[in-house]
Amino acid sequence: MHVIVVGCGRVGSEVALNLAGSEHDVIVIDRKLEAFRRLGDDFKGTTMVGVGFDRDVLTEAGITPDCAVAAVTSGDNSNILIARVARETFGVKHVVARIYDPRRASIYERLGIATVASVAWTSARVLRHLLASESTPDWIDPSAKFTIVERRVGASAAGISVANVEAASSGRVAVVGRFGEASIPTPGTLLQEDDVLHVVIPADSGALLDAALEPNGGSH
């Protein structure tokens, strides 16, 4: 996957190095040339000096609807602007923005942008949102029989009931995040686009869950 990482601070550099090490095509954008020192001499990706919300810069960086964009600069305003340009101008589906003020999370969520708070495990959360199909579970029980995973609902799964998702995946939807608010759903709860699900599933049922949330993956 082609991934554009905007911001080469601690989180941005960790995300870029992880992605490049996993053979993804990575380009890192930062305003300051010296920021790229964090990547080291063996970085397999590309670097670019520029402003991450500039459309010409993003175009030169190879942005397309099928790529992924991580806005992880040091400013909330810059990150939301980068994320909105990526989503609204270029139609990028896999977009995640780092935030420092958690009160802004609901605003980001209403715009359909995944957010990650500024905490110790930020880089892992950014990767989870960018690479949903490759993400590691949030939790694994000691027997390794069950996991908790996070999934964002796409447009094709809007209107599917929680009961149908659970039946298809042999799991339980424990929490639904919607517009920055979390709730425990009922079986009859209907999913909306950009809902964030936290689902308890058997360890080998990840593919079943993903299929249920894909086009024609579940009945309405």
N, C-alpha and C. Protein backbone atom coordinates (compact mmCIF):
# COMPACT_ATOMS: atom_id res chain seq x y z
N MET A 1 0.84 -1.19 0.00
CA MET A 1 0.00 0.00 0.00
C MET A 1 0.88 1.25 0.00
N HIS A 2 0.47 2.27 -0.73
CA HIS A 2 1.16 3.56 -0.71
C HIS A 2 0.64 4.37 0.47
N VAL A 3 1.52 4.79 1.35
CA VAL A 3 1.13 5.50 2.57
C VAL A 3 1.87 6.82 2.64
N ILE A 4 1.12 7.88 2.91
CA ILE A 4 1.70 9.21 3.10
C ILE A 4 1.61 9.54 4.58
N VAL A 5 2.76 9.76 5.20
CA VAL A 5 2.82 10.13 6.61
C VAL A 5 3.22 11.60 6.68
N VAL A 6 2.36 12.42 7.24
CA VAL A 6 2.64 13.85 7.35
C VAL A 6 3.04 14.17 8.79
N GLY A 7 4.29 14.54 8.96
CA GLY A 7 4.83 14.79 10.29
C GLY A 7 5.87 13.74 10.63
N CYS A 8 7.09 14.18 10.91
CA CYS A 8 8.16 13.23 11.19
C CYS A 8 8.71 13.43 12.59
N GLY A 9 7.79 13.53 13.55
CA GLY A 9 8.19 13.56 14.95
C GLY A 9 8.33 12.12 15.44
N ARG A 10 8.18 11.93 16.75
CA ARG A 10 8.35 10.59 17.31
C ARG A 10 7.35 9.61 16.72
N VAL A 11 6.07 9.99 16.69
CA VAL A 11 5.04 9.08 16.20
C VAL A 11 5.17 8.88 14.70
N GLY A 12 5.30 9.97 13.95
CA GLY A 12 5.40 9.85 12.51
C GLY A 12 6.57 8.99 12.06
N SER A 13 7.72 9.17 12.70
CA SER A 13 8.88 8.38 12.33
C SER A 13 8.69 6.90 12.67
N GLU A 14 8.07 6.61 13.82
CA GLU A 14 7.82 5.22 14.19
C GLU A 14 6.87 4.55 13.20
N VAL A 15 5.81 5.27 12.84
CA VAL A 15 4.85 4.73 11.88
C VAL A 15 5.52 4.49 10.53
N ALA A 16 6.29 5.45 10.07
CA ALA A 16 6.95 5.33 8.76
C ALA A 16 7.93 4.18 8.74
N LEU A 17 8.74 4.04 9.78
CA LEU A 17 9.72 2.96 9.84
C LEU A 17 9.03 1.59 9.89
N ASN A 18 7.94 1.51 10.65
CA ASN A 18 7.20 0.25 10.74
C ASN A 18 6.62 -0.13 9.38
N LEU A 19 6.00 0.83 8.71
CA LEU A 19 5.39 0.56 7.41
C LEU A 19 6.43 0.19 6.36
N ALA A 20 7.51 0.95 6.32
CA ALA A 20 8.56 0.67 5.34
C ALA A 20 9.19 -0.69 5.59
N GLY A 21 9.33 -1.05 6.86
CA GLY A 21 9.87 -2.36 7.20
C GLY A 21 8.96 -3.50 6.82
N SER A 22 7.66 -3.19 6.64
CA SER A 22 6.69 -4.20 6.22
C SER A 22 6.45 -4.16 4.72
N GLU A 23 7.36 -3.53 4.01
CA GLU A 23 7.35 -3.48 2.53
C GLU A 23 6.25 -2.62 1.94
N HIS A 24 5.71 -1.68 2.71
CA HIS A 24 4.77 -0.71 2.15
C HIS A 24 5.56 0.43 1.50
N ASP A 25 4.94 1.08 0.53
CA ASP A 25 5.56 2.21 -0.15
C ASP A 25 5.25 3.46 0.66
N VAL A 26 6.23 4.03 1.32
CA VAL A 26 6.01 5.11 2.28
C VAL A 26 6.71 6.39 1.85
N ILE A 27 5.98 7.50 1.95
CA ILE A 27 6.59 8.82 1.77
C ILE A 27 6.25 9.66 2.98
N VAL A 28 7.25 10.31 3.55
CA VAL A 28 7.09 11.12 4.75
C VAL A 28 7.24 12.59 4.39
N ILE A 29 6.28 13.40 4.80
CA ILE A 29 6.30 14.84 4.53
C ILE A 29 6.50 15.59 5.84
N ASP A 30 7.40 16.56 5.84
CA ASP A 30 7.58 17.42 7.01
C ASP A 30 8.06 18.78 6.53
N ARG A 31 7.74 19.80 7.33
CA ARG A 31 8.16 21.16 6.97
C ARG A 31 9.68 21.33 7.08
N LYS A 32 10.30 20.56 7.98
CA LYS A 32 11.72 20.76 8.28
C LYS A 32 12.56 19.58 7.81
N LEU A 33 13.60 19.88 7.07
CA LEU A 33 14.48 18.84 6.54
C LEU A 33 15.13 18.04 7.67
N GLU A 34 15.51 18.71 8.75
CA GLU A 34 16.21 18.03 9.84
C GLU A 34 15.34 17.00 10.56
N ALA A 35 14.01 17.10 10.38
CA ALA A 35 13.11 16.15 11.05
C ALA A 35 13.34 14.73 10.56
N PHE A 36 13.83 14.59 9.34
CA PHE A 36 14.01 13.25 8.76
C PHE A 36 15.18 12.48 9.37
N ARG A 37 15.96 13.15 10.21
CA ARG A 37 17.06 12.45 10.89
C ARG A 37 16.53 11.31 11.76
N ARG A 38 15.29 11.46 12.23
CA ARG A 38 14.69 10.41 13.07
C ARG A 38 14.55 9.09 12.32
N LEU A 39 14.53 9.14 11.01
CA LEU A 39 14.31 7.94 10.21
C LEU A 39 15.57 7.10 10.05
N GLY A 40 16.72 7.71 10.25
CA GLY A 40 17.97 6.98 10.11
C GLY A 40 18.39 6.81 8.65
N ASP A 41 19.58 6.31 8.47
CA ASP A 41 20.14 6.16 7.13
C ASP A 41 19.57 4.97 6.37
N ASP A 42 18.97 4.02 7.07
CA ASP A 42 18.49 2.80 6.41
C ASP A 42 17.01 2.85 6.05
N PHE A 43 16.37 4.01 6.19
CA PHE A 43 14.94 4.13 5.87
C PHE A 43 14.70 3.79 4.41
N LYS A 44 13.75 2.90 4.17
CA LYS A 44 13.49 2.40 2.82
C LYS A 44 12.48 3.25 2.04
N GLY A 45 11.88 4.24 2.70
CA GLY A 45 10.88 5.05 2.03
C GLY A 45 11.47 6.32 1.43
N THR A 46 10.59 7.29 1.18
CA THR A 46 10.96 8.55 0.56
C THR A 46 10.60 9.70 1.49
N THR A 47 11.36 10.77 1.46
CA THR A 47 11.06 11.95 2.26
C THR A 47 10.82 13.14 1.35
N MET A 48 10.06 14.09 1.89
CA MET A 48 9.68 15.26 1.08
C MET A 48 9.46 16.45 2.00
N VAL A 49 10.11 17.55 1.75
CA VAL A 49 9.91 18.77 2.54
C VAL A 49 8.72 19.53 1.95
N GLY A 50 7.76 19.86 2.82
CA GLY A 50 6.59 20.58 2.33
C GLY A 50 5.51 20.67 3.39
N VAL A 51 4.43 21.33 3.04
CA VAL A 51 3.28 21.51 3.92
C VAL A 51 2.25 20.43 3.59
N GLY A 52 1.89 19.64 4.58
CA GLY A 52 1.09 18.45 4.34
C GLY A 52 -0.32 18.66 3.86
N PHE A 53 -0.88 19.86 4.04
CA PHE A 53 -2.24 20.09 3.55
C PHE A 53 -2.25 20.83 2.21
N ASP A 54 -1.07 21.08 1.64
CA ASP A 54 -0.98 21.70 0.32
C ASP A 54 -1.33 20.66 -0.74
N ARG A 55 -2.31 20.96 -1.56
CA ARG A 55 -2.78 19.99 -2.55
C ARG A 55 -1.69 19.60 -3.54
N ASP A 56 -0.87 20.57 -3.94
CA ASP A 56 0.20 20.26 -4.88
C ASP A 56 1.23 19.32 -4.25
N VAL A 57 1.50 19.54 -2.97
CA VAL A 57 2.44 18.68 -2.26
C VAL A 57 1.91 17.27 -2.18
N LEU A 58 0.63 17.13 -1.82
CA LEU A 58 0.03 15.81 -1.72
C LEU A 58 -0.03 15.12 -3.08
N THR A 59 -0.31 15.89 -4.12
CA THR A 59 -0.33 15.32 -5.47
C THR A 59 1.06 14.80 -5.85
N GLU A 60 2.09 15.59 -5.55
CA GLU A 60 3.46 15.16 -5.84
C GLU A 60 3.83 13.93 -5.02
N ALA A 61 3.22 13.81 -3.83
CA ALA A 61 3.50 12.66 -2.96
C ALA A 61 2.78 11.40 -3.42
N GLY A 62 1.96 11.52 -4.47
CA GLY A 62 1.31 10.34 -5.04
C GLY A 62 0.00 9.97 -4.39
N ILE A 63 -0.72 10.96 -3.86
CA ILE A 63 -1.99 10.66 -3.20
C ILE A 63 -3.03 10.17 -4.20
N THR A 64 -3.76 9.12 -3.82
CA THR A 64 -4.86 8.57 -4.61
C THR A 64 -5.92 8.07 -3.63
N PRO A 65 -7.14 7.80 -4.10
CA PRO A 65 -8.17 7.29 -3.20
C PRO A 65 -7.79 5.96 -2.55
N ASP A 66 -6.89 5.20 -3.18
CA ASP A 66 -6.54 3.87 -2.66
C ASP A 66 -5.35 3.88 -1.71
N CYS A 67 -4.76 5.04 -1.49
CA CYS A 67 -3.62 5.08 -0.58
C CYS A 67 -4.11 5.31 0.85
N ALA A 68 -3.19 5.53 1.77
CA ALA A 68 -3.54 5.83 3.16
C ALA A 68 -2.76 7.07 3.58
N VAL A 69 -3.38 7.86 4.47
CA VAL A 69 -2.76 9.09 4.93
C VAL A 69 -2.81 9.16 6.44
N ALA A 70 -1.67 9.43 7.06
CA ALA A 70 -1.59 9.63 8.51
C ALA A 70 -1.16 11.06 8.78
N ALA A 71 -2.03 11.82 9.44
CA ALA A 71 -1.72 13.21 9.79
C ALA A 71 -1.25 13.22 11.24
N VAL A 72 0.05 13.28 11.45
CA VAL A 72 0.61 13.14 12.79
C VAL A 72 1.61 14.26 13.08
N THR A 73 1.24 15.49 12.71
CA THR A 73 2.08 16.63 13.02
C THR A 73 1.87 17.01 14.49
N SER A 74 2.49 18.10 14.91
CA SER A 74 2.39 18.52 16.31
C SER A 74 1.20 19.43 16.59
N GLY A 75 0.34 19.66 15.58
CA GLY A 75 -0.79 20.57 15.79
C GLY A 75 -2.12 19.96 15.38
N ASP A 76 -3.12 20.09 16.25
CA ASP A 76 -4.46 19.57 15.94
C ASP A 76 -5.04 20.21 14.69
N ASN A 77 -4.91 21.52 14.56
CA ASN A 77 -5.51 22.22 13.42
C ASN A 77 -4.90 21.74 12.10
N SER A 78 -3.59 21.58 12.10
CA SER A 78 -2.93 21.08 10.88
C SER A 78 -3.38 19.68 10.56
N ASN A 79 -3.48 18.84 11.58
CA ASN A 79 -3.87 17.44 11.35
C ASN A 79 -5.28 17.32 10.79
N ILE A 80 -6.22 18.09 11.33
CA ILE A 80 -7.59 18.00 10.82
C ILE A 80 -7.66 18.55 9.40
N LEU A 81 -6.88 19.58 9.10
CA LEU A 81 -6.88 20.13 7.75
C LEU A 81 -6.30 19.14 6.75
N ILE A 82 -5.20 18.50 7.13
CA ILE A 82 -4.58 17.47 6.28
C ILE A 82 -5.58 16.34 6.03
N ALA A 83 -6.21 15.89 7.10
CA ALA A 83 -7.16 14.78 6.99
C ALA A 83 -8.35 15.14 6.13
N ARG A 84 -8.86 16.35 6.28
CA ARG A 84 -10.02 16.77 5.48
C ARG A 84 -9.67 16.91 4.00
N VAL A 85 -8.50 17.45 3.71
CA VAL A 85 -8.08 17.56 2.31
C VAL A 85 -7.95 16.17 1.70
N ALA A 86 -7.36 15.25 2.45
CA ALA A 86 -7.18 13.89 1.94
C ALA A 86 -8.53 13.24 1.68
N ARG A 87 -9.47 13.39 2.62
CA ARG A 87 -10.78 12.75 2.49
C ARG A 87 -11.65 13.44 1.44
N GLU A 88 -11.77 14.75 1.56
CA GLU A 88 -12.76 15.49 0.76
C GLU A 88 -12.27 15.89 -0.62
N THR A 89 -11.00 16.16 -0.76
CA THR A 89 -10.48 16.57 -2.07
C THR A 89 -10.01 15.38 -2.89
N PHE A 90 -9.34 14.43 -2.23
CA PHE A 90 -8.75 13.31 -2.97
C PHE A 90 -9.48 11.99 -2.76
N GLY A 91 -10.51 11.96 -1.89
CA GLY A 91 -11.31 10.74 -1.72
C GLY A 91 -10.61 9.59 -1.05
N VAL A 92 -9.61 9.89 -0.22
CA VAL A 92 -8.86 8.83 0.47
C VAL A 92 -9.72 8.25 1.59
N LYS A 93 -9.84 6.93 1.63
CA LYS A 93 -10.68 6.27 2.63
C LYS A 93 -9.92 6.00 3.93
N HIS A 94 -8.66 5.64 3.81
CA HIS A 94 -7.87 5.29 5.00
C HIS A 94 -7.11 6.52 5.48
N VAL A 95 -7.75 7.27 6.37
CA VAL A 95 -7.16 8.49 6.91
C VAL A 95 -7.23 8.45 8.43
N VAL A 96 -6.14 8.80 9.08
CA VAL A 96 -6.14 8.88 10.54
C VAL A 96 -5.42 10.15 10.96
N ALA A 97 -5.95 10.81 12.00
CA ALA A 97 -5.36 12.05 12.48
C ALA A 97 -5.05 11.95 13.96
N ARG A 98 -3.87 12.36 14.33
CA ARG A 98 -3.49 12.42 15.73
C ARG A 98 -4.06 13.68 16.36
N ILE A 99 -4.58 13.58 17.58
CA ILE A 99 -5.10 14.76 18.27
C ILE A 99 -4.46 14.88 19.64
N TYR A 100 -4.35 16.12 20.09
CA TYR A 100 -3.83 16.40 21.43
C TYR A 100 -4.96 16.79 22.37
N ASP A 101 -6.02 17.38 21.84
CA ASP A 101 -7.17 17.78 22.64
C ASP A 101 -8.28 16.76 22.43
N PRO A 102 -8.51 15.84 23.37
CA PRO A 102 -9.51 14.79 23.19
C PRO A 102 -10.93 15.32 23.02
N ARG A 103 -11.17 16.58 23.42
CA ARG A 103 -12.50 17.14 23.27
C ARG A 103 -12.86 17.35 21.80
N ARG A 104 -11.86 17.34 20.95
CA ARG A 104 -12.11 17.52 19.52
C ARG A 104 -12.44 16.21 18.82
N ALA A 105 -12.33 15.10 19.53
CA ALA A 105 -12.52 13.79 18.89
C ALA A 105 -13.88 13.69 18.21
N SER A 106 -14.94 14.17 18.88
CA SER A 106 -16.28 14.04 18.30
C SER A 106 -16.41 14.82 17.00
N ILE A 107 -15.69 15.95 16.90
CA ILE A 107 -15.73 16.74 15.66
C ILE A 107 -15.09 15.96 14.53
N TYR A 108 -13.95 15.36 14.81
CA TYR A 108 -13.26 14.56 13.81
C TYR A 108 -14.14 13.38 13.37
N GLU A 109 -14.76 12.71 14.36
CA GLU A 109 -15.56 11.54 14.05
C GLU A 109 -16.74 11.90 13.16
N ARG A 110 -17.35 13.06 13.39
CA ARG A 110 -18.48 13.49 12.55
C ARG A 110 -18.05 13.71 11.10
N LEU A 111 -16.77 13.99 10.91
CA LEU A 111 -16.23 14.17 9.56
C LEU A 111 -15.77 12.84 8.96
N GLY A 112 -15.96 11.75 9.72
CA GLY A 112 -15.58 10.43 9.22
C GLY A 112 -14.09 10.17 9.27
N ILE A 113 -13.38 10.87 10.17
CA ILE A 113 -11.93 10.74 10.27
C ILE A 113 -11.57 10.02 11.56
N ALA A 114 -10.85 8.93 11.44
CA ALA A 114 -10.39 8.20 12.63
C ALA A 114 -9.39 9.05 13.39
N THR A 115 -9.50 9.04 14.71
CA THR A 115 -8.60 9.84 15.53
C THR A 115 -7.83 8.97 16.51
N VAL A 116 -6.65 9.43 16.86
CA VAL A 116 -5.80 8.75 17.83
C VAL A 116 -5.30 9.79 18.81
N ALA A 117 -5.52 9.56 20.10
CA ALA A 117 -5.08 10.51 21.11
C ALA A 117 -3.57 10.44 21.29
N SER A 118 -3.00 11.47 21.86
CA SER A 118 -1.56 11.54 22.06
C SER A 118 -1.17 10.81 23.35
N VAL A 119 -0.99 9.50 23.23
CA VAL A 119 -0.63 8.66 24.36
C VAL A 119 0.54 7.76 23.97
N ALA A 120 1.01 6.96 24.91
CA ALA A 120 2.22 6.17 24.68
C ALA A 120 2.12 5.22 23.50
N TRP A 121 0.91 4.70 23.25
CA TRP A 121 0.79 3.71 22.19
C TRP A 121 0.19 4.29 20.92
N THR A 122 0.42 5.59 20.71
CA THR A 122 -0.15 6.26 19.55
C THR A 122 0.24 5.61 18.24
N SER A 123 1.53 5.31 18.04
CA SER A 123 1.97 4.78 16.75
C SER A 123 1.30 3.47 16.41
N ALA A 124 1.09 2.60 17.41
CA ALA A 124 0.40 1.33 17.16
C ALA A 124 -1.04 1.57 16.75
N ARG A 125 -1.69 2.55 17.36
CA ARG A 125 -3.08 2.86 17.01
C ARG A 125 -3.17 3.45 15.60
N VAL A 126 -2.22 4.29 15.23
CA VAL A 126 -2.21 4.84 13.87
C VAL A 126 -2.11 3.71 12.86
N LEU A 127 -1.21 2.78 13.07
CA LEU A 127 -1.05 1.66 12.16
C LEU A 127 -2.32 0.83 12.08
N ARG A 128 -2.98 0.65 13.22
CA ARG A 128 -4.21 -0.15 13.24
C ARG A 128 -5.28 0.46 12.35
N HIS A 129 -5.40 1.80 12.37
CA HIS A 129 -6.40 2.46 11.54
C HIS A 129 -6.02 2.46 10.07
N LEU A 130 -4.74 2.62 9.78
CA LEU A 130 -4.31 2.66 8.38
C LEU A 130 -4.40 1.29 7.72
N LEU A 131 -4.08 0.24 8.46
CA LEU A 131 -3.98 -1.10 7.90
C LEU A 131 -4.97 -2.02 8.61
N ALA A 132 -6.25 -1.74 8.44
CA ALA A 132 -7.28 -2.49 9.18
C ALA A 132 -7.19 -3.99 8.94
N SER A 133 -6.89 -4.39 7.71
CA SER A 133 -6.85 -5.82 7.40
C SER A 133 -5.64 -6.51 8.00
N GLU A 134 -4.63 -5.70 8.43
CA GLU A 134 -3.41 -6.28 8.98
C GLU A 134 -3.26 -5.97 10.47
N SER A 135 -4.31 -5.38 11.05
CA SER A 135 -4.18 -4.88 12.41
C SER A 135 -4.09 -6.01 13.43
N THR A 136 -3.38 -5.72 14.49
CA THR A 136 -3.32 -6.66 15.59
C THR A 136 -4.50 -6.42 16.51
N PRO A 137 -4.95 -7.45 17.23
CA PRO A 137 -6.10 -7.27 18.11
C PRO A 137 -5.79 -6.36 19.28
N ASP A 138 -6.84 -5.73 19.83
CA ASP A 138 -6.67 -4.89 21.01
C ASP A 138 -6.37 -5.73 22.24
N TRP A 139 -6.88 -6.95 22.27
CA TRP A 139 -6.72 -7.81 23.45
C TRP A 139 -6.85 -9.26 23.02
N ILE A 140 -6.07 -10.13 23.65
CA ILE A 140 -6.16 -11.57 23.43
C ILE A 140 -6.26 -12.23 24.80
N ASP A 141 -7.21 -13.17 24.97
CA ASP A 141 -7.35 -13.80 26.27
C ASP A 141 -6.19 -14.78 26.49
N PRO A 142 -5.89 -15.13 27.74
CA PRO A 142 -4.71 -15.96 28.03
C PRO A 142 -4.68 -17.29 27.30
N SER A 143 -5.86 -17.83 26.96
CA SER A 143 -5.90 -19.10 26.25
C SER A 143 -5.78 -18.92 24.74
N ALA A 144 -5.78 -17.66 24.30
CA ALA A 144 -5.68 -17.32 22.86
C ALA A 144 -6.88 -17.80 22.07
N LYS A 145 -8.02 -18.00 22.74
CA LYS A 145 -9.22 -18.44 22.03
C LYS A 145 -10.06 -17.26 21.53
N PHE A 146 -9.97 -16.14 22.24
CA PHE A 146 -10.80 -14.99 21.88
C PHE A 146 -9.95 -13.72 21.81
N THR A 147 -10.40 -12.80 20.95
CA THR A 147 -9.73 -11.51 20.82
C THR A 147 -10.78 -10.40 20.78
N ILE A 148 -10.33 -9.19 21.08
CA ILE A 148 -11.15 -8.00 20.87
C ILE A 148 -10.51 -7.22 19.74
N VAL A 149 -11.29 -6.92 18.71
CA VAL A 149 -10.78 -6.18 17.56
C VAL A 149 -11.62 -4.93 17.34
N GLU A 150 -11.03 -3.98 16.68
CA GLU A 150 -11.72 -2.73 16.35
C GLU A 150 -11.92 -2.66 14.84
N ARG A 151 -13.12 -2.31 14.43
CA ARG A 151 -13.42 -2.17 13.00
C ARG A 151 -14.26 -0.92 12.77
N ARG A 152 -13.97 -0.20 11.70
CA ARG A 152 -14.77 0.96 11.30
C ARG A 152 -15.76 0.52 10.22
N VAL A 153 -16.99 0.97 10.33
CA VAL A 153 -18.06 0.57 9.41
C VAL A 153 -18.00 1.43 8.15
N GLY A 154 -17.94 0.77 6.99
CA GLY A 154 -17.95 1.48 5.72
C GLY A 154 -19.37 1.71 5.23
N ALA A 155 -19.49 2.45 4.14
CA ALA A 155 -20.81 2.79 3.61
C ALA A 155 -21.61 1.55 3.23
N SER A 156 -20.93 0.52 2.73
CA SER A 156 -21.62 -0.68 2.26
C SER A 156 -22.27 -1.47 3.40
N ALA A 157 -21.78 -1.27 4.63
CA ALA A 157 -22.33 -2.02 5.77
C ALA A 157 -23.36 -1.21 6.55
N ALA A 158 -23.59 0.03 6.17
CA ALA A 158 -24.58 0.85 6.86
C ALA A 158 -25.95 0.19 6.75
N GLY A 159 -26.65 0.12 7.86
CA GLY A 159 -27.99 -0.49 7.87
C GLY A 159 -28.00 -1.93 8.32
N ILE A 160 -26.84 -2.57 8.38
CA ILE A 160 -26.76 -3.95 8.87
C ILE A 160 -26.95 -3.93 10.39
N SER A 161 -27.66 -4.89 10.91
CA SER A 161 -27.90 -4.93 12.35
C SER A 161 -26.74 -5.58 13.09
N VAL A 162 -26.61 -5.23 14.34
CA VAL A 162 -25.60 -5.85 15.19
C VAL A 162 -25.83 -7.37 15.25
N ALA A 163 -27.08 -7.78 15.30
CA ALA A 163 -27.39 -9.21 15.36
C ALA A 163 -26.84 -9.95 14.15
N ASN A 164 -26.93 -9.36 12.97
CA ASN A 164 -26.43 -10.01 11.77
C ASN A 164 -24.90 -10.09 11.76
N VAL A 165 -24.26 -9.04 12.25
CA VAL A 165 -22.80 -9.06 12.34
C VAL A 165 -22.35 -10.15 13.30
N GLU A 166 -23.03 -10.25 14.44
CA GLU A 166 -22.67 -11.25 15.43
C GLU A 166 -22.90 -12.66 14.91
N ALA A 167 -23.99 -12.86 14.20
CA ALA A 167 -24.28 -14.19 13.66
C ALA A 167 -23.24 -14.60 12.63
N ALA A 168 -22.82 -13.65 11.80
CA ALA A 168 -21.86 -13.96 10.74
C ALA A 168 -20.46 -14.20 11.27
N SER A 169 -20.11 -13.57 12.38
CA SER A 169 -18.73 -13.65 12.89
C SER A 169 -18.59 -14.52 14.12
N SER A 170 -19.72 -15.04 14.63
CA SER A 170 -19.71 -15.81 15.89
C SER A 170 -19.13 -14.99 17.04
N GLY A 171 -19.34 -13.66 16.97
CA GLY A 171 -18.79 -12.78 17.97
C GLY A 171 -19.85 -11.97 18.69
N ARG A 172 -19.40 -10.99 19.46
CA ARG A 172 -20.28 -10.09 20.19
C ARG A 172 -19.77 -8.66 20.00
N VAL A 173 -20.65 -7.78 19.55
CA VAL A 173 -20.29 -6.37 19.43
C VAL A 173 -20.45 -5.75 20.81
N ALA A 174 -19.33 -5.46 21.45
CA ALA A 174 -19.38 -5.00 22.84
C ALA A 174 -19.66 -3.51 22.95
N VAL A 175 -19.06 -2.71 22.07
CA VAL A 175 -19.20 -1.26 22.14
C VAL A 175 -19.26 -0.70 20.72
N VAL A 176 -20.14 0.29 20.54
CA VAL A 176 -20.21 1.02 19.27
C VAL A 176 -19.86 2.48 19.55
N GLY A 177 -18.87 3.00 18.82
CA GLY A 177 -18.53 4.41 18.91
C GLY A 177 -19.18 5.16 17.75
N ARG A 178 -19.90 6.22 18.09
CA ARG A 178 -20.62 6.98 17.05
C ARG A 178 -20.56 8.47 17.40
N PHE A 179 -20.02 9.26 16.50
CA PHE A 179 -19.90 10.71 16.72
C PHE A 179 -19.16 11.03 18.01
N GLY A 180 -18.15 10.23 18.30
CA GLY A 180 -17.34 10.50 19.48
C GLY A 180 -17.91 9.99 20.78
N GLU A 181 -19.09 9.35 20.74
CA GLU A 181 -19.72 8.81 21.94
C GLU A 181 -19.77 7.29 21.84
N ALA A 182 -19.55 6.60 22.96
CA ALA A 182 -19.58 5.13 22.98
C ALA A 182 -20.85 4.63 23.65
N SER A 183 -21.36 3.50 23.18
CA SER A 183 -22.55 2.90 23.79
C SER A 183 -22.50 1.39 23.61
N ILE A 184 -23.24 0.69 24.47
CA ILE A 184 -23.38 -0.76 24.35
C ILE A 184 -24.61 -1.02 23.48
N PRO A 185 -24.44 -1.65 22.33
CA PRO A 185 -25.57 -1.82 21.42
C PRO A 185 -26.49 -2.97 21.82
N THR A 186 -27.69 -2.95 21.27
CA THR A 186 -28.61 -4.08 21.37
C THR A 186 -28.52 -4.86 20.07
N PRO A 187 -29.04 -6.09 20.04
CA PRO A 187 -29.01 -6.86 18.79
C PRO A 187 -29.68 -6.13 17.62
N GLY A 188 -30.66 -5.28 17.93
CA GLY A 188 -31.37 -4.58 16.87
C GLY A 188 -30.74 -3.28 16.43
N THR A 189 -29.65 -2.89 17.06
CA THR A 189 -28.96 -1.65 16.66
C THR A 189 -28.48 -1.74 15.22
N LEU A 190 -28.81 -0.72 14.43
CA LEU A 190 -28.39 -0.69 13.03
C LEU A 190 -27.10 0.13 12.90
N LEU A 191 -26.16 -0.41 12.17
CA LEU A 191 -24.87 0.26 12.00
C LEU A 191 -25.00 1.45 11.07
N GLN A 192 -24.18 2.48 11.36
CA GLN A 192 -24.09 3.64 10.50
C GLN A 192 -22.67 3.76 9.97
N GLU A 193 -22.54 4.39 8.80
CA GLU A 193 -21.21 4.59 8.24
C GLU A 193 -20.32 5.33 9.24
N ASP A 194 -19.10 4.89 9.37
CA ASP A 194 -18.08 5.45 10.25
C ASP A 194 -18.28 5.12 11.72
N ASP A 195 -19.26 4.25 12.05
CA ASP A 195 -19.30 3.70 13.41
C ASP A 195 -17.99 2.95 13.66
N VAL A 196 -17.53 2.96 14.90
CA VAL A 196 -16.34 2.19 15.28
C VAL A 196 -16.79 1.07 16.21
N LEU A 197 -16.58 -0.17 15.79
CA LEU A 197 -17.03 -1.33 16.55
C LEU A 197 -15.87 -1.95 17.32
N HIS A 198 -16.14 -2.35 18.55
CA HIS A 198 -15.20 -3.16 19.33
C HIS A 198 -15.89 -4.51 19.52
N VAL A 199 -15.32 -5.53 18.90
CA VAL A 199 -16.00 -6.82 18.79
C VAL A 199 -15.16 -7.92 19.43
N VAL A 200 -15.82 -8.73 20.25
CA VAL A 200 -15.18 -9.92 20.81
C VAL A 200 -15.47 -11.08 19.87
N ILE A 201 -14.42 -11.71 19.35
CA ILE A 201 -14.60 -12.80 18.39
C ILE A 201 -13.66 -13.95 18.71
N PRO A 202 -14.00 -15.16 18.24
CA PRO A 202 -13.03 -16.26 18.32
C PRO A 202 -11.77 -15.86 17.55
N ALA A 203 -10.63 -16.32 17.99
CA ALA A 203 -9.35 -15.89 17.43
C ALA A 203 -9.24 -16.13 15.92
N ASP A 204 -9.97 -17.11 15.41
CA ASP A 204 -9.85 -17.43 13.98
C ASP A 204 -11.00 -16.85 13.15
N SER A 205 -11.75 -15.90 13.72
CA SER A 205 -12.94 -15.39 13.03
C SER A 205 -12.78 -13.99 12.46
N GLY A 206 -11.55 -13.48 12.42
CA GLY A 206 -11.34 -12.14 11.90
C GLY A 206 -11.82 -11.98 10.47
N ALA A 207 -11.55 -12.98 9.64
CA ALA A 207 -11.97 -12.91 8.24
C ALA A 207 -13.49 -12.92 8.11
N LEU A 208 -14.16 -13.67 9.00
CA LEU A 208 -15.63 -13.72 8.98
C LEU A 208 -16.21 -12.35 9.33
N LEU A 209 -15.61 -11.70 10.32
CA LEU A 209 -16.07 -10.37 10.71
C LEU A 209 -15.88 -9.38 9.57
N ASP A 210 -14.72 -9.42 8.94
CA ASP A 210 -14.46 -8.51 7.83
C ASP A 210 -15.43 -8.76 6.68
N ALA A 211 -15.73 -10.03 6.42
CA ALA A 211 -16.67 -10.36 5.34
C ALA A 211 -18.07 -9.82 5.65
N ALA A 212 -18.45 -9.87 6.92
CA ALA A 212 -19.78 -9.38 7.32
C ALA A 212 -19.89 -7.87 7.13
N LEU A 213 -18.76 -7.18 7.18
CA LEU A 213 -18.76 -5.72 7.07
C LEU A 213 -18.40 -5.25 5.67
N GLU A 214 -18.25 -6.18 4.74
CA GLU A 214 -17.98 -5.82 3.34
C GLU A 214 -19.28 -5.84 2.56
N PRO A 215 -19.27 -5.30 1.34
CA PRO A 215 -20.48 -5.34 0.51
C PRO A 215 -21.04 -6.75 0.42
N ASN A 216 -22.33 -6.87 0.67
CA ASN A 216 -23.03 -8.16 0.62
C ASN A 216 -22.52 -9.14 1.68
N GLY A 217 -21.79 -8.60 2.67
CA GLY A 217 -21.27 -9.47 3.73
C GLY A 217 -22.28 -9.81 4.76
N GLY A 218 -23.40 -9.11 4.79
CA GLY A 218 -24.45 -9.40 5.75
C GLY A 218 -25.76 -8.92 5.22
N SER A 219 -26.83 -9.44 5.69
CA SER A 219 -28.16 -9.04 5.21
C SER A 219 -28.68 -7.90 6.07
N HIS A 220 -29.51 -7.05 5.47
CA HIS A 220 -30.08 -5.90 6.18
C HIS A 220 -31.34 -6.36 6.92
